[in-house]
Amino acid sequence: MAPDRDQAAGGGRRPQERALRRREALLEAAVDLLGEGGFTAVTHRAVAQRACLPLAATSYYFSCRDQLLTEAFALLVERELDQMRAYLDALPAGPPERLAEILATVYTLDRPRQLGLWELYLQAGRDPALQSVARAWTDGCDEIVASVLRRTGRPSGRAQVRFVTTVLSGLWLEDIVEARPQGRERAAEVIIRALGAIVEVRG
C-alpha cells in the first residue's frame, strides 16, 4: 500500500521543524549570553552548553562565530524595539514631565539586554557585518520616537526626531554604563529641555 501523501509530507516537515527549533535554541542562548556576559561570552561552546545541544550543532547551523553574533544581534534589536513599542503604545498625551519620565524609564526595562545590545552596537564600528543591524536599531528608535512625538502633539519632523533620539541614546548609554544614583531623574531633566527645544529645530 502506498504511503499516505500527507504522512509523507509530514515526515519531511518534522526534521525541518526540529532543525528550526535547534537553530532558534542556539540563537536564544546567544542572546542570553550577550545580556549576561557581553560580546566575549558568546562562544560556540558556551552557546551549545546553554542550549543543551552538542558543540557541533553551532558550526552546523552557523558557519562561523561572526554569523552567530550577527543573527543574535538582529534578534536582540528586534526584541528590544518590540518591547519599547509595547511599552510606549499606551502612552497618553500628557505634560512634558510625564513624557520625559517615561522616555527616561524605557531603556531600563532590561539593563542586561541593553548592555549586550550597546556592546554589539559599538562593535559594529569595527565589523561591517554588524552595521546593517546597528542601522536597523537606529532607524527603529527614530520611528518609535517619531510616533511618540506625533501622538503627544509635538513636532515630529526628521530633524526633531533625530535630535530627540540622539539625546536619548546618549543618556541611555551613559546610565547603562555608569549606573549613577538618580540617573533616571537626571535624564528626565535633560529630556524635558530637549522636548522644549525641538520647536526651534527646523525639520
Protein backbone atom coordinates (compact mmCIF):
# COMPACT_ATOMS: atom_id res chain seq x y z
CA MET A 1 0.00 0.00 0.00
CA ALA A 2 1.43 3.41 -0.98
CA PRO A 3 2.15 5.75 1.94
CA ASP A 4 -0.35 8.48 2.58
CA ARG A 5 0.76 11.72 0.88
CA ASP A 6 0.08 13.82 3.97
CA GLN A 7 2.09 11.42 6.14
CA ALA A 8 4.98 11.56 3.70
CA ALA A 9 4.84 15.34 3.65
CA GLY A 10 4.62 15.43 7.43
CA GLY A 11 7.63 13.16 7.71
CA GLY A 12 9.58 15.67 5.65
CA ARG A 13 8.42 18.56 7.79
CA ARG A 14 9.37 17.04 11.14
CA PRO A 15 13.15 17.10 10.59
CA GLN A 16 12.87 20.65 9.27
CA GLU A 17 10.87 21.71 12.32
CA ARG A 18 13.42 20.01 14.59
CA ALA A 19 16.27 21.79 12.82
CA LEU A 20 14.45 25.13 13.14
CA ARG A 21 13.89 24.59 16.87
CA ARG A 22 17.55 23.71 17.41
CA ARG A 23 18.71 26.78 15.49
CA GLU A 24 16.33 29.00 17.44
CA ALA A 25 17.56 27.48 20.71
CA LEU A 26 21.13 28.37 19.78
CA LEU A 27 20.14 31.95 18.95
CA GLU A 28 18.20 32.24 22.22
CA ALA A 29 21.26 31.00 24.10
CA ALA A 30 23.49 33.52 22.32
CA VAL A 31 21.11 36.38 23.19
CA ASP A 32 21.04 35.30 26.85
CA LEU A 33 24.83 35.14 26.99
CA LEU A 34 25.13 38.58 25.39
CA GLY A 35 23.00 40.00 28.16
CA GLU A 36 24.85 38.17 30.91
CA GLY A 37 28.47 38.49 29.83
CA GLY A 38 28.65 40.61 26.70
CA PHE A 39 30.45 40.08 23.43
CA THR A 40 33.21 37.80 24.76
CA ALA A 41 30.73 35.47 26.49
CA VAL A 42 29.35 34.23 23.16
CA THR A 43 31.50 31.29 22.13
CA HIS A 44 30.44 28.17 20.26
CA ARG A 45 30.99 26.05 23.36
CA ALA A 46 29.09 28.36 25.72
CA VAL A 47 26.16 28.71 23.32
CA ALA A 48 25.91 24.95 22.79
CA GLN A 49 26.04 24.29 26.54
CA ARG A 50 23.37 26.91 27.25
CA ALA A 51 21.13 25.45 24.54
CA CYS A 52 21.76 21.89 25.81
CA LEU A 53 22.95 20.85 22.35
CA PRO A 54 26.14 19.19 21.09
CA LEU A 55 29.04 21.51 20.34
CA ALA A 56 28.93 20.52 16.67
CA ALA A 57 25.43 21.97 16.39
CA THR A 58 26.72 25.55 16.44
CA SER A 59 29.05 25.05 13.48
CA TYR A 60 26.33 23.08 11.67
CA TYR A 61 23.76 25.90 11.85
CA PHE A 62 26.19 28.84 11.82
CA SER A 63 29.22 28.88 9.56
CA CYS A 64 31.25 30.98 12.00
CA ARG A 65 31.01 32.92 15.25
CA ASP A 66 30.52 36.15 13.31
CA GLN A 67 27.34 34.80 11.72
CA LEU A 68 26.05 33.67 15.12
CA LEU A 69 26.77 37.09 16.63
CA THR A 70 25.18 38.96 13.73
CA GLU A 71 21.96 36.95 13.93
CA ALA A 72 21.88 37.18 17.71
CA PHE A 73 22.35 40.95 17.45
CA ALA A 74 19.48 41.15 14.96
CA LEU A 75 17.22 39.17 17.28
CA LEU A 76 18.25 41.33 20.23
CA VAL A 77 17.44 44.51 18.29
CA GLU A 78 14.09 43.15 17.13
CA ARG A 79 13.07 42.24 20.67
CA GLU A 80 14.25 45.50 22.17
CA LEU A 81 12.31 47.54 19.62
CA ASP A 82 9.20 45.39 20.13
CA GLN A 83 9.44 45.87 23.89
CA MET A 84 9.87 49.61 23.54
CA ARG A 85 6.87 49.83 21.18
CA ALA A 86 4.69 47.79 23.53
CA TYR A 87 5.70 49.96 26.47
CA LEU A 88 5.08 53.24 24.67
CA ASP A 89 1.97 52.29 22.68
CA ALA A 90 -0.27 53.08 25.64
CA LEU A 91 1.40 56.44 26.20
CA PRO A 92 -1.28 59.09 26.82
CA ALA A 93 -0.87 62.71 25.86
CA GLY A 94 0.44 64.45 28.94
CA PRO A 95 2.72 67.13 30.29
CA PRO A 96 6.39 67.15 29.23
CA GLU A 97 7.40 65.96 32.71
CA ARG A 98 5.42 62.73 32.33
CA LEU A 99 6.69 62.11 28.82
CA ALA A 100 10.26 62.74 29.95
CA GLU A 101 9.86 60.31 32.84
CA ILE A 102 8.56 57.60 30.51
CA LEU A 103 11.33 58.10 27.93
CA ALA A 104 13.91 58.06 30.72
CA THR A 105 12.47 54.76 32.00
CA VAL A 106 12.01 52.77 28.82
CA TYR A 107 15.67 51.89 28.36
CA THR A 108 15.96 50.47 31.89
CA LEU A 109 13.34 47.79 31.30
CA ASP A 110 16.06 45.16 30.82
CA ARG A 111 19.52 46.50 31.69
CA PRO A 112 21.49 43.28 30.94
CA ARG A 113 19.94 43.05 27.50
CA GLN A 114 20.67 46.71 26.86
CA LEU A 115 24.30 46.17 27.84
CA GLY A 116 24.62 43.39 25.28
CA LEU A 117 22.89 45.46 22.64
CA TRP A 118 25.11 48.51 23.09
CA GLU A 119 28.24 46.40 23.20
CA LEU A 120 27.40 44.92 19.82
CA TYR A 121 26.36 48.34 18.52
CA LEU A 122 29.85 49.67 19.29
CA GLN A 123 31.44 46.53 17.85
CA ALA A 124 29.62 47.29 14.59
CA GLY A 125 32.05 50.17 14.14
CA ARG A 126 34.77 47.55 13.60
CA ASP A 127 32.67 44.85 11.96
CA PRO A 128 30.84 45.68 8.71
CA ALA A 129 28.68 42.56 9.09
CA LEU A 130 27.03 44.13 12.14
CA GLN A 131 26.49 47.58 10.64
CA SER A 132 23.20 46.83 8.90
CA VAL A 133 21.77 45.58 12.21
CA ALA A 134 23.09 48.69 14.01
CA ARG A 135 21.37 50.87 11.42
CA ALA A 136 18.14 48.94 11.91
CA TRP A 137 18.38 49.72 15.63
CA THR A 138 18.84 53.45 14.95
CA ASP A 139 16.06 53.53 12.36
CA GLY A 140 13.72 51.66 14.71
CA CYS A 141 14.42 54.09 17.55
CA ASP A 142 13.76 57.02 15.20
CA GLU A 143 10.44 55.51 14.16
CA ILE A 144 9.39 54.95 17.77
CA VAL A 145 10.36 58.48 18.83
CA ALA A 146 8.54 59.96 15.82
CA SER A 147 5.41 58.02 16.76
CA VAL A 148 5.58 59.21 20.37
CA LEU A 149 6.07 62.83 19.34
CA ARG A 150 3.14 62.68 16.90
CA ARG A 151 0.80 61.09 19.43
CA THR A 152 1.64 63.72 22.03
CA GLY A 153 1.15 66.61 19.62
CA ARG A 154 4.81 67.60 19.36
CA PRO A 155 6.85 68.43 16.24
CA SER A 156 7.98 65.20 14.57
CA GLY A 157 10.00 66.23 11.52
CA ARG A 158 13.20 64.41 10.69
CA ALA A 159 15.42 66.96 12.43
CA GLN A 160 13.31 66.96 15.59
CA VAL A 161 13.23 63.18 15.72
CA ARG A 162 16.99 62.88 15.20
CA PHE A 163 17.63 65.49 17.86
CA VAL A 164 15.50 63.74 20.47
CA THR A 165 16.78 60.27 19.56
CA THR A 166 20.40 61.40 19.77
CA VAL A 167 19.82 62.94 23.19
CA LEU A 168 18.08 59.79 24.38
CA SER A 169 20.81 57.49 23.05
CA GLY A 170 23.50 59.43 24.89
CA LEU A 171 21.53 59.38 28.11
CA TRP A 172 20.70 55.67 27.80
CA LEU A 173 24.29 54.69 27.16
CA GLU A 174 25.62 56.84 29.99
CA ASP A 175 23.17 55.44 32.52
CA ILE A 176 23.63 51.82 31.43
CA VAL A 177 27.41 52.07 31.71
CA GLU A 178 27.75 54.29 34.77
CA ALA A 179 24.61 53.35 36.75
CA ARG A 180 24.79 56.57 38.76
CA PRO A 181 22.35 57.19 41.62
CA GLN A 182 19.36 59.25 40.48
CA GLY A 183 20.45 58.69 36.89
CA ARG A 184 16.88 58.40 35.71
CA GLU A 185 15.85 61.66 37.35
CA ARG A 186 18.82 63.46 35.83
CA ALA A 187 17.98 62.02 32.43
CA ALA A 188 14.36 63.17 32.72
CA GLU A 189 15.52 66.75 33.38
CA VAL A 190 17.59 66.72 30.17
CA ILE A 191 14.72 65.20 28.17
CA ILE A 192 12.35 67.94 29.33
CA ARG A 193 14.79 70.52 27.97
CA ALA A 194 15.11 68.58 24.71
CA LEU A 195 11.34 68.42 24.26
CA GLY A 196 11.16 72.16 24.81
CA ALA A 197 13.92 72.78 22.31
CA ILE A 198 12.55 70.76 19.37
CA VAL A 199 10.15 73.52 18.38
CA GLU A 200 13.25 75.54 17.48
CA VAL A 201 14.75 72.75 15.35
CA ARG A 202 13.82 73.04 11.69
CA GLY A 203 12.73 69.72 10.14
